[in-house]
Amino acid sequence: MALCYPMAMGLNKGHKVTKNMSKLRHSHCHGCLTKHTKSLRDMIEVGFASYKQSIWDMLKFSKDTQALKFIKKRVGTHIHAKRQEDLSDVLAAKRKAAVKD
């Protein structure tokens, strides 16, 4: 256990001063959400990509395999295409909401 004396050694050595608190630079605000951008993003409703619209139409008429092939052609691999198939879940949720109303 070390005693705390005002000695010029260790971490607390030297003349005691208070740090000057300077204003943050503008560059530190990069990536922060401002009120303006938040309001704009709330206003704009983000839709799907154009190729997803055609997939949407295929899924409406229960052409699942054809939709999967189409996604695979656009995205590249089968695994990526299966990840993109979440549109069927969105479609099912919209149908449930339509039934409730």
PDB file of N, CA and C in Angstrom:
ATOM      1  N   MET A   1       0.843  -1.179   0.000  1.00  0.00           N
ATOM      2  CA  MET A   1       0.000   0.000   0.000  1.00  0.00           C
ATOM      3  C   MET A   1       0.885   1.237   0.000  1.00  0.00           C
ATOM      4  N   ALA A   2       0.707   2.048  -1.008  1.00  0.00           N
ATOM      5  CA  ALA A   2       1.545   3.233  -1.134  1.00  0.00           C
ATOM      6  C   ALA A   2       0.823   4.441  -0.569  1.00  0.00           C
ATOM      7  N   LEU A   3       1.574   5.249   0.142  1.00  0.00           N
ATOM      8  CA  LEU A   3       1.031   6.497   0.679  1.00  0.00           C
ATOM      9  C   LEU A   3       1.072   7.566  -0.406  1.00  0.00           C
ATOM     10  N   CYS A   4       0.095   8.451  -0.384  1.00  0.00           N
ATOM     11  CA  CYS A   4       0.015   9.477  -1.418  1.00  0.00           C
ATOM     12  C   CYS A   4       0.593  10.782  -0.875  1.00  0.00           C
ATOM     13  N   TYR A   5       1.832  11.048  -1.213  1.00  0.00           N
ATOM     14  CA  TYR A   5       2.492  12.289  -0.827  1.00  0.00           C
ATOM     15  C   TYR A   5       2.759  13.099  -2.082  1.00  0.00           C
ATOM     16  N   PRO A   6       2.813  14.431  -1.935  1.00  0.00           N
ATOM     17  CA  PRO A   6       3.115  15.250  -3.124  1.00  0.00           C
ATOM     18  C   PRO A   6       4.598  15.167  -3.488  1.00  0.00           C
ATOM     19  N   MET A   7       5.010  14.017  -3.984  1.00  0.00           N
ATOM     20  CA  MET A   7       6.409  13.821  -4.358  1.00  0.00           C
ATOM     21  C   MET A   7       6.526  13.791  -5.874  1.00  0.00           C
ATOM     22  N   ALA A   8       7.676  14.133  -6.378  1.00  0.00           N
ATOM     23  CA  ALA A   8       7.914  14.174  -7.819  1.00  0.00           C
ATOM     24  C   ALA A   8       8.355  12.808  -8.318  1.00  0.00           C
ATOM     25  N   MET A   9       7.501  11.810  -8.140  1.00  0.00           N
ATOM     26  CA  MET A   9       7.806  10.476  -8.648  1.00  0.00           C
ATOM     27  C   MET A   9       6.504   9.715  -8.866  1.00  0.00           C
ATOM     28  N   GLY A  10       6.523   8.766  -9.739  1.00  0.00           N
ATOM     29  CA  GLY A  10       5.339   7.964 -10.006  1.00  0.00           C
ATOM     30  C   GLY A  10       4.406   8.616 -11.017  1.00  0.00           C
ATOM     31  N   LEU A  11       3.166   8.131 -11.056  1.00  0.00           N
ATOM     32  CA  LEU A  11       2.196   8.623 -12.034  1.00  0.00           C
ATOM     33  C   LEU A  11       1.716  10.036 -11.731  1.00  0.00           C
ATOM     34  N   ASN A  12       1.669  10.400 -10.467  1.00  0.00           N
ATOM     35  CA  ASN A  12       1.114  11.699 -10.086  1.00  0.00           C
ATOM     36  C   ASN A  12       2.187  12.771  -9.920  1.00  0.00           C
ATOM     37  N   LYS A  13       3.339  12.608 -10.539  1.00  0.00           N
ATOM     38  CA  LYS A  13       4.425  13.570 -10.363  1.00  0.00           C
ATOM     39  C   LYS A  13       4.146  14.850 -11.147  1.00  0.00           C
ATOM     40  N   GLY A  14       4.814  15.897 -10.788  1.00  0.00           N
ATOM     41  CA  GLY A  14       4.725  17.149 -11.520  1.00  0.00           C
ATOM     42  C   GLY A  14       3.716  18.118 -10.937  1.00  0.00           C
ATOM     43  N   HIS A  15       3.616  19.260 -11.566  1.00  0.00           N
ATOM     44  CA  HIS A  15       2.731  20.342 -11.124  1.00  0.00           C
ATOM     45  C   HIS A  15       1.276  19.988 -11.451  1.00  0.00           C
ATOM     46  N   LYS A  16       0.392  20.136 -10.485  1.00  0.00           N
ATOM     47  CA  LYS A  16      -1.022  19.794 -10.681  1.00  0.00           C
ATOM     48  C   LYS A  16      -1.717  20.900 -11.477  1.00  0.00           C
ATOM     49  N   VAL A  17      -2.317  20.518 -12.591  1.00  0.00           N
ATOM     50  CA  VAL A  17      -3.047  21.467 -13.432  1.00  0.00           C
ATOM     51  C   VAL A  17      -4.394  20.868 -13.810  1.00  0.00           C
ATOM     52  N   THR A  18      -5.327  21.724 -14.188  1.00  0.00           N
ATOM     53  CA  THR A  18      -6.604  21.238 -14.704  1.00  0.00           C
ATOM     54  C   THR A  18      -6.537  21.242 -16.229  1.00  0.00           C
ATOM     55  N   LYS A  19      -7.095  20.215 -16.839  1.00  0.00           N
ATOM     56  CA  LYS A  19      -7.029  20.103 -18.289  1.00  0.00           C
ATOM     57  C   LYS A  19      -7.976  21.104 -18.933  1.00  0.00           C
ATOM     58  N   ASN A  20      -7.535  21.678 -20.045  1.00  0.00           N
ATOM     59  CA  ASN A  20      -8.400  22.547 -20.838  1.00  0.00           C
ATOM     60  C   ASN A  20      -9.349  21.675 -21.641  1.00  0.00           C
ATOM     61  N   MET A  21     -10.637  21.884 -21.476  1.00  0.00           N
ATOM     62  CA  MET A  21     -11.625  21.127 -22.237  1.00  0.00           C
ATOM     63  C   MET A  21     -11.941  21.901 -23.510  1.00  0.00           C
ATOM     64  N   SER A  22     -11.429  21.399 -24.621  1.00  0.00           N
ATOM     65  CA  SER A  22     -11.679  22.067 -25.891  1.00  0.00           C
ATOM     66  C   SER A  22     -12.930  21.478 -26.548  1.00  0.00           C
ATOM     67  N   LYS A  23     -13.505  22.267 -27.447  1.00  0.00           N
ATOM     68  CA  LYS A  23     -14.708  21.852 -28.158  1.00  0.00           C
ATOM     69  C   LYS A  23     -14.349  20.727 -29.129  1.00  0.00           C
ATOM     70  N   LEU A  24     -15.258  19.770 -29.326  1.00  0.00           N
ATOM     71  CA  LEU A  24     -15.006  18.668 -30.252  1.00  0.00           C
ATOM     72  C   LEU A  24     -14.859  19.189 -31.681  1.00  0.00           C
ATOM     73  N   ARG A  25     -13.976  18.553 -32.421  1.00  0.00           N
ATOM     74  CA  ARG A  25     -13.822  18.915 -33.819  1.00  0.00           C
ATOM     75  C   ARG A  25     -15.037  18.453 -34.611  1.00  0.00           C
ATOM     76  N   HIS A  26     -15.260  19.100 -35.732  1.00  0.00           N
ATOM     77  CA  HIS A  26     -16.402  18.754 -36.578  1.00  0.00           C
ATOM     78  C   HIS A  26     -16.266  17.333 -37.129  1.00  0.00           C
ATOM     79  N   SER A  27     -15.023  16.890 -37.312  1.00  0.00           N
ATOM     80  CA  SER A  27     -14.794  15.565 -37.877  1.00  0.00           C
ATOM     81  C   SER A  27     -15.247  14.457 -36.930  1.00  0.00           C
ATOM     82  N   HIS A  28     -15.346  14.745 -35.642  1.00  0.00           N
ATOM     83  CA  HIS A  28     -15.796  13.737 -34.682  1.00  0.00           C
ATOM     84  C   HIS A  28     -17.292  13.463 -34.802  1.00  0.00           C
ATOM     85  N   CYS A  29     -18.018  14.355 -35.457  1.00  0.00           N
ATOM     86  CA  CYS A  29     -19.464  14.183 -35.610  1.00  0.00           C
ATOM     87  C   CYS A  29     -19.815  13.321 -36.817  1.00  0.00           C
ATOM     88  N   HIS A  30     -18.809  12.869 -37.574  1.00  0.00           N
ATOM     89  CA  HIS A  30     -19.064  12.064 -38.771  1.00  0.00           C
ATOM     90  C   HIS A  30     -19.731  10.750 -38.376  1.00  0.00           C
ATOM     91  N   GLY A  31     -20.861  10.466 -38.985  1.00  0.00           N
ATOM     92  CA  GLY A  31     -21.573   9.235 -38.701  1.00  0.00           C
ATOM     93  C   GLY A  31     -22.646   9.382 -37.640  1.00  0.00           C
ATOM     94  N   CYS A  32     -22.683  10.507 -36.940  1.00  0.00           N
ATOM     95  CA  CYS A  32     -23.709  10.727 -35.922  1.00  0.00           C
ATOM     96  C   CYS A  32     -25.011  11.111 -36.617  1.00  0.00           C
ATOM     97  N   LEU A  33     -26.106  10.678 -36.063  1.00  0.00           N
ATOM     98  CA  LEU A  33     -27.410  10.972 -36.635  1.00  0.00           C
ATOM     99  C   LEU A  33     -27.885  12.333 -36.149  1.00  0.00           C
ATOM    100  N   THR A  34     -28.142  13.246 -37.077  1.00  0.00           N
ATOM    101  CA  THR A  34     -28.626  14.574 -36.709  1.00  0.00           C
ATOM    102  C   THR A  34     -30.155  14.580 -36.748  1.00  0.00           C
ATOM    103  N   LYS A  35     -30.733  15.637 -36.199  1.00  0.00           N
ATOM    104  CA  LYS A  35     -32.191  15.744 -36.194  1.00  0.00           C
ATOM    105  C   LYS A  35     -32.738  15.791 -37.619  1.00  0.00           C
ATOM    106  N   HIS A  36     -32.013  16.501 -38.482  1.00  0.00           N
ATOM    107  CA  HIS A  36     -32.460  16.683 -39.861  1.00  0.00           C
ATOM    108  C   HIS A  36     -32.478  15.358 -40.621  1.00  0.00           C
ATOM    109  N   THR A  37     -31.376  14.598 -40.537  1.00  0.00           N
ATOM    110  CA  THR A  37     -31.328  13.327 -41.264  1.00  0.00           C
ATOM    111  C   THR A  37     -32.312  12.327 -40.686  1.00  0.00           C
ATOM    112  N   LYS A  38     -32.512  12.380 -39.371  1.00  0.00           N
ATOM    113  CA  LYS A  38     -33.478  11.467 -38.749  1.00  0.00           C
ATOM    114  C   LYS A  38     -34.882  11.740 -39.265  1.00  0.00           C
ATOM    115  N   SER A  39     -35.258  13.019 -39.352  1.00  0.00           N
ATOM    116  CA  SER A  39     -36.591  13.362 -39.838  1.00  0.00           C
ATOM    117  C   SER A  39     -36.756  12.982 -41.306  1.00  0.00           C
ATOM    118  N   LEU A  40     -35.691  13.166 -42.103  1.00  0.00           N
ATOM    119  CA  LEU A  40     -35.767  12.783 -43.512  1.00  0.00           C
ATOM    120  C   LEU A  40     -35.918  11.284 -43.684  1.00  0.00           C
ATOM    121  N   ARG A  41     -35.162  10.507 -42.919  1.00  0.00           N
ATOM    122  CA  ARG A  41     -35.247   9.056 -43.025  1.00  0.00           C
ATOM    123  C   ARG A  41     -36.596   8.534 -42.558  1.00  0.00           C
ATOM    124  N   ASP A  42     -37.202   9.208 -41.584  1.00  0.00           N
ATOM    125  CA  ASP A  42     -38.527   8.801 -41.139  1.00  0.00           C
ATOM    126  C   ASP A  42     -39.577   9.074 -42.217  1.00  0.00           C
ATOM    127  N   MET A  43     -39.378  10.178 -42.973  1.00  0.00           N
ATOM    128  CA  MET A  43     -40.339  10.526 -44.013  1.00  0.00           C
ATOM    129  C   MET A  43     -40.264   9.570 -45.189  1.00  0.00           C
ATOM    130  N   ILE A  44     -39.045   9.251 -45.613  1.00  0.00           N
ATOM    131  CA  ILE A  44     -38.856   8.439 -46.810  1.00  0.00           C
ATOM    132  C   ILE A  44     -39.023   6.965 -46.462  1.00  0.00           C
ATOM    133  N   GLU A  45     -39.925   6.309 -47.146  1.00  0.00           N
ATOM    134  CA  GLU A  45     -40.126   4.882 -46.933  1.00  0.00           C
ATOM    135  C   GLU A  45     -39.271   4.127 -47.941  1.00  0.00           C
ATOM    136  N   VAL A  46     -38.380   3.318 -47.442  1.00  0.00           N
ATOM    137  CA  VAL A  46     -37.452   2.602 -48.305  1.00  0.00           C
ATOM    138  C   VAL A  46     -38.137   1.362 -48.855  1.00  0.00           C
ATOM    139  N   GLY A  47     -38.082   1.207 -50.159  1.00  0.00           N
ATOM    140  CA  GLY A  47     -38.712   0.064 -50.805  1.00  0.00           C
ATOM    141  C   GLY A  47     -37.699  -1.013 -51.129  1.00  0.00           C
ATOM    142  N   PHE A  48     -38.081  -1.893 -52.002  1.00  0.00           N
ATOM    143  CA  PHE A  48     -37.212  -2.983 -52.409  1.00  0.00           C
ATOM    144  C   PHE A  48     -36.555  -2.653 -53.744  1.00  0.00           C
ATOM    145  N   ALA A  49     -35.536  -3.420 -54.094  1.00  0.00           N
ATOM    146  CA  ALA A  49     -34.873  -3.258 -55.382  1.00  0.00           C
ATOM    147  C   ALA A  49     -35.809  -3.708 -56.499  1.00  0.00           C
ATOM    148  N   SER A  50     -35.486  -3.304 -57.716  1.00  0.00           N
ATOM    149  CA  SER A  50     -36.384  -3.585 -58.841  1.00  0.00           C
ATOM    150  C   SER A  50     -36.507  -5.081 -59.115  1.00  0.00           C
ATOM    151  N   TYR A  51     -35.406  -5.827 -58.951  1.00  0.00           N
ATOM    152  CA  TYR A  51     -35.507  -7.265 -59.201  1.00  0.00           C
ATOM    153  C   TYR A  51     -36.321  -7.960 -58.118  1.00  0.00           C
ATOM    154  N   LYS A  52     -36.371  -7.362 -56.928  1.00  0.00           N
ATOM    155  CA  LYS A  52     -37.171  -7.961 -55.863  1.00  0.00           C
ATOM    156  C   LYS A  52     -38.668  -7.772 -56.117  1.00  0.00           C
ATOM    157  N   GLN A  53     -39.010  -6.737 -56.888  1.00  0.00           N
ATOM    158  CA  GLN A  53     -40.421  -6.532 -57.227  1.00  0.00           C
ATOM    159  C   GLN A  53     -40.931  -7.680 -58.102  1.00  0.00           C
ATOM    160  N   SER A  54     -40.091  -8.125 -59.049  1.00  0.00           N
ATOM    161  CA  SER A  54     -40.519  -9.232 -59.904  1.00  0.00           C
ATOM    162  C   SER A  54     -40.582 -10.538 -59.129  1.00  0.00           C
ATOM    163  N   ILE A  55     -39.688 -10.694 -58.154  1.00  0.00           N
ATOM    164  CA  ILE A  55     -39.733 -11.872 -57.282  1.00  0.00           C
ATOM    165  C   ILE A  55     -41.022 -11.859 -56.474  1.00  0.00           C
ATOM    166  N   TRP A  56     -41.377 -10.670 -56.018  1.00  0.00           N
ATOM    167  CA  TRP A  56     -42.605 -10.468 -55.242  1.00  0.00           C
ATOM    168  C   TRP A  56     -43.806 -10.976 -56.028  1.00  0.00           C
ATOM    169  N   ASP A  57     -43.856 -10.617 -57.321  1.00  0.00           N
ATOM    170  CA  ASP A  57     -44.969 -11.050 -58.165  1.00  0.00           C
ATOM    171  C   ASP A  57     -44.985 -12.570 -58.334  1.00  0.00           C
ATOM    172  N   MET A  58     -43.804 -13.171 -58.464  1.00  0.00           N
ATOM    173  CA  MET A  58     -43.734 -14.628 -58.588  1.00  0.00           C
ATOM    174  C   MET A  58     -44.230 -15.312 -57.317  1.00  0.00           C
ATOM    175  N   LEU A  59     -43.836 -14.763 -56.174  1.00  0.00           N
ATOM    176  CA  LEU A  59     -44.241 -15.370 -54.900  1.00  0.00           C
ATOM    177  C   LEU A  59     -45.744 -15.213 -54.649  1.00  0.00           C
ATOM    178  N   LYS A  60     -46.327 -14.152 -55.199  1.00  0.00           N
ATOM    179  CA  LYS A  60     -47.780 -13.966 -55.054  1.00  0.00           C
ATOM    180  C   LYS A  60     -48.542 -15.120 -55.683  1.00  0.00           C
ATOM    181  N   PHE A  61     -48.013 -15.616 -56.799  1.00  0.00           N
ATOM    182  CA  PHE A  61     -48.681 -16.707 -57.518  1.00  0.00           C
ATOM    183  C   PHE A  61     -48.063 -18.056 -57.191  1.00  0.00           C
ATOM    184  N   SER A  62     -47.389 -18.141 -56.042  1.00  0.00           N
ATOM    185  CA  SER A  62     -46.763 -19.356 -55.485  1.00  0.00           C
ATOM    186  C   SER A  62     -45.860 -20.076 -56.485  1.00  0.00           C
ATOM    187  N   LYS A  63     -44.987 -19.320 -57.114  1.00  0.00           N
ATOM    188  CA  LYS A  63     -43.962 -19.885 -57.986  1.00  0.00           C
ATOM    189  C   LYS A  63     -42.618 -19.783 -57.265  1.00  0.00           C
ATOM    190  N   ASP A  64     -42.482 -20.568 -56.198  1.00  0.00           N
ATOM    191  CA  ASP A  64     -41.317 -20.458 -55.322  1.00  0.00           C
ATOM    192  C   ASP A  64     -40.022 -20.876 -56.008  1.00  0.00           C
ATOM    193  N   THR A  65     -40.054 -22.005 -56.724  1.00  0.00           N
ATOM    194  CA  THR A  65     -38.827 -22.500 -57.359  1.00  0.00           C
ATOM    195  C   THR A  65     -38.365 -21.560 -58.463  1.00  0.00           C
ATOM    196  N   GLN A  66     -39.314 -21.022 -59.190  1.00  0.00           N
ATOM    197  CA  GLN A  66     -38.975 -20.080 -60.261  1.00  0.00           C
ATOM    198  C   GLN A  66     -38.383 -18.808 -59.665  1.00  0.00           C
ATOM    199  N   ALA A  67     -38.930 -18.376 -58.541  1.00  0.00           N
ATOM    200  CA  ALA A  67     -38.412 -17.182 -57.865  1.00  0.00           C
ATOM    201  C   ALA A  67     -36.994 -17.426 -57.367  1.00  0.00           C
ATOM    202  N   LEU A  68     -36.753 -18.616 -56.808  1.00  0.00           N
ATOM    203  CA  LEU A  68     -35.424 -18.955 -56.311  1.00  0.00           C
ATOM    204  C   LEU A  68     -34.402 -18.967 -57.450  1.00  0.00           C
ATOM    205  N   LYS A  69     -34.778 -19.522 -58.586  1.00  0.00           N
ATOM    206  CA  LYS A  69     -33.887 -19.539 -59.747  1.00  0.00           C
ATOM    207  C   LYS A  69     -33.580 -18.112 -60.219  1.00  0.00           C
ATOM    208  N   PHE A  70     -34.603 -17.273 -60.209  1.00  0.00           N
ATOM    209  CA  PHE A  70     -34.442 -15.882 -60.645  1.00  0.00           C
ATOM    210  C   PHE A  70     -33.482 -15.137 -59.718  1.00  0.00           C
ATOM    211  N   ILE A  71     -33.668 -15.320 -58.409  1.00  0.00           N
ATOM    212  CA  ILE A  71     -32.784 -14.665 -57.433  1.00  0.00           C
ATOM    213  C   ILE A  71     -31.355 -15.166 -57.610  1.00  0.00           C
ATOM    214  N   LYS A  72     -31.229 -16.481 -57.812  1.00  0.00           N
ATOM    215  CA  LYS A  72     -29.902 -17.079 -57.967  1.00  0.00           C
ATOM    216  C   LYS A  72     -29.168 -16.478 -59.159  1.00  0.00           C
ATOM    217  N   LYS A  73     -29.906 -16.235 -60.225  1.00  0.00           N
ATOM    218  CA  LYS A  73     -29.304 -15.646 -61.419  1.00  0.00           C
ATOM    219  C   LYS A  73     -28.844 -14.217 -61.138  1.00  0.00           C
ATOM    220  N   ARG A  74     -29.636 -13.470 -60.362  1.00  0.00           N
ATOM    221  CA  ARG A  74     -29.304 -12.074 -60.082  1.00  0.00           C
ATOM    222  C   ARG A  74     -28.204 -11.938 -59.028  1.00  0.00           C
ATOM    223  N   VAL A  75     -28.292 -12.720 -57.963  1.00  0.00           N
ATOM    224  CA  VAL A  75     -27.383 -12.568 -56.830  1.00  0.00           C
ATOM    225  C   VAL A  75     -26.075 -13.313 -57.048  1.00  0.00           C
ATOM    226  N   GLY A  76     -26.131 -14.524 -57.591  1.00  0.00           N
ATOM    227  CA  GLY A  76     -24.901 -15.236 -57.882  1.00  0.00           C
ATOM    228  C   GLY A  76     -24.861 -16.655 -57.367  1.00  0.00           C
ATOM    229  N   THR A  77     -25.075 -16.857 -56.066  1.00  0.00           N
ATOM    230  CA  THR A  77     -24.966 -18.207 -55.518  1.00  0.00           C
ATOM    231  C   THR A  77     -26.294 -18.648 -54.917  1.00  0.00           C
ATOM    232  N   HIS A  78     -26.409 -19.959 -54.746  1.00  0.00           N
ATOM    233  CA  HIS A  78     -27.643 -20.540 -54.212  1.00  0.00           C
ATOM    234  C   HIS A  78     -27.866 -20.117 -52.752  1.00  0.00           C
ATOM    235  N   ILE A  79     -26.778 -20.082 -51.978  1.00  0.00           N
ATOM    236  CA  ILE A  79     -26.896 -19.730 -50.558  1.00  0.00           C
ATOM    237  C   ILE A  79     -27.341 -18.278 -50.396  1.00  0.00           C
ATOM    238  N   HIS A  80     -26.761 -17.377 -51.208  1.00  0.00           N
ATOM    239  CA  HIS A  80     -27.170 -15.974 -51.160  1.00  0.00           C
ATOM    240  C   HIS A  80     -28.625 -15.821 -51.587  1.00  0.00           C
ATOM    241  N   ALA A  81     -29.026 -16.629 -52.540  1.00  0.00           N
ATOM    242  CA  ALA A  81     -30.405 -16.577 -53.016  1.00  0.00           C
ATOM    243  C   ALA A  81     -31.369 -17.014 -51.921  1.00  0.00           C
ATOM    244  N   LYS A  82     -30.978 -18.055 -51.163  1.00  0.00           N
ATOM    245  CA  LYS A  82     -31.850 -18.517 -50.081  1.00  0.00           C
ATOM    246  C   LYS A  82     -31.992 -17.458 -49.000  1.00  0.00           C
ATOM    247  N   ARG A  83     -30.935 -16.682 -48.773  1.00  0.00           N
ATOM    248  CA  ARG A  83     -31.005 -15.584 -47.796  1.00  0.00           C
ATOM    249  C   ARG A  83     -31.946 -14.494 -48.274  1.00  0.00           C
ATOM    250  N   GLN A  84     -32.009 -14.297 -49.587  1.00  0.00           N
ATOM    251  CA  GLN A  84     -32.869 -13.265 -50.163  1.00  0.00           C
ATOM    252  C   GLN A  84     -34.338 -13.670 -50.143  1.00  0.00           C
ATOM    253  N   GLU A  85     -34.625 -14.940 -49.872  1.00  0.00           N
ATOM    254  CA  GLU A  85     -35.994 -15.424 -49.938  1.00  0.00           C
ATOM    255  C   GLU A  85     -36.857 -14.964 -48.773  1.00  0.00           C
ATOM    256  N   ASP A  86     -36.337 -14.089 -47.922  1.00  0.00           N
ATOM    257  CA  ASP A  86     -37.127 -13.588 -46.798  1.00  0.00           C
ATOM    258  C   ASP A  86     -38.323 -12.773 -47.275  1.00  0.00           C
ATOM    259  N   LEU A  87     -38.379 -12.476 -48.565  1.00  0.00           N
ATOM    260  CA  LEU A  87     -39.531 -11.757 -49.114  1.00  0.00           C
ATOM    261  C   LEU A  87     -40.815 -12.536 -48.923  1.00  0.00           C
ATOM    262  N   SER A  88     -40.720 -13.860 -48.929  1.00  0.00           N
ATOM    263  CA  SER A  88     -41.921 -14.670 -48.727  1.00  0.00           C
ATOM    264  C   SER A  88     -42.472 -14.467 -47.323  1.00  0.00           C
ATOM    265  N   ASP A  89     -41.574 -14.259 -46.341  1.00  0.00           N
ATOM    266  CA  ASP A  89     -42.026 -13.977 -44.973  1.00  0.00           C
ATOM    267  C   ASP A  89     -42.713 -12.620 -44.900  1.00  0.00           C
ATOM    268  N   VAL A  90     -42.161 -11.643 -45.617  1.00  0.00           N
ATOM    269  CA  VAL A  90     -42.757 -10.300 -45.649  1.00  0.00           C
ATOM    270  C   VAL A  90     -44.131 -10.355 -46.292  1.00  0.00           C
ATOM    271  N   LEU A  91     -44.231 -11.140 -47.362  1.00  0.00           N
ATOM    272  CA  LEU A  91     -45.505 -11.289 -48.065  1.00  0.00           C
ATOM    273  C   LEU A  91     -46.547 -11.951 -47.166  1.00  0.00           C
ATOM    274  N   ALA A  92     -46.136 -12.968 -46.424  1.00  0.00           N
ATOM    275  CA  ALA A  92     -47.049 -13.649 -45.504  1.00  0.00           C
ATOM    276  C   ALA A  92     -47.509 -12.703 -44.400  1.00  0.00           C
ATOM    277  N   ALA A  93     -46.613 -11.866 -43.899  1.00  0.00           N
ATOM    278  CA  ALA A  93     -46.975 -10.905 -42.860  1.00  0.00           C
ATOM    279  C   ALA A  93     -47.982  -9.882 -43.398  1.00  0.00           C
ATOM    280  N   LYS A  94     -47.786  -9.450 -44.657  1.00  0.00           N
ATOM    281  CA  LYS A  94     -48.737  -8.504 -45.253  1.00  0.00           C
ATOM    282  C   LYS A  94     -50.101  -9.141 -45.429  1.00  0.00           C
ATOM    283  N   ARG A  95     -50.127 -10.415 -45.800  1.00  0.00           N
ATOM    284  CA  ARG A  95     -51.408 -11.118 -45.964  1.00  0.00           C
ATOM    285  C   ARG A  95     -52.145 -11.227 -44.633  1.00  0.00           C
ATOM    286  N   LYS A  96     -51.379 -11.532 -43.548  1.00  0.00           N
ATOM    287  CA  LYS A  96     -52.002 -11.601 -42.219  1.00  0.00           C
ATOM    288  C   LYS A  96     -52.575 -10.265 -41.799  1.00  0.00           C
ATOM    289  N   ALA A  97     -51.829  -9.197 -42.097  1.00  0.00           N
ATOM    290  CA  ALA A  97     -52.303  -7.850 -41.747  1.00  0.00           C
ATOM    291  C   ALA A  97     -53.558  -7.504 -42.543  1.00  0.00           C
ATOM    292  N   ALA A  98     -53.627  -7.940 -43.806  1.00  0.00           N
ATOM    293  CA  ALA A  98     -54.787  -7.657 -44.637  1.00  0.00           C
ATOM    294  C   ALA A  98     -56.012  -8.426 -44.126  1.00  0.00           C
ATOM    295  N   VAL A  99     -55.795  -9.644 -43.612  1.00  0.00           N
ATOM    296  CA  VAL A  99     -56.907 -10.443 -43.090  1.00  0.00           C
ATOM    297  C   VAL A  99     -57.455  -9.807 -41.819  1.00  0.00           C
ATOM    298  N   LYS A 100     -56.584  -9.263 -40.973  1.00  0.00           N
ATOM    299  CA  LYS A 100     -57.016  -8.637 -39.716  1.00  0.00           C
ATOM    300  C   LYS A 100     -57.863  -7.401 -39.962  1.00  0.00           C
ATOM    301  N   ASP A 101     -57.550  -6.643 -41.033  1.00  0.00           N
ATOM    302  CA  ASP A 101     -58.294  -5.404 -41.325  1.00  0.00           C
ATOM    303  C   ASP A 101     -59.610  -5.655 -41.941  1.00  0.00           C
TER     304      ASP A 101
END
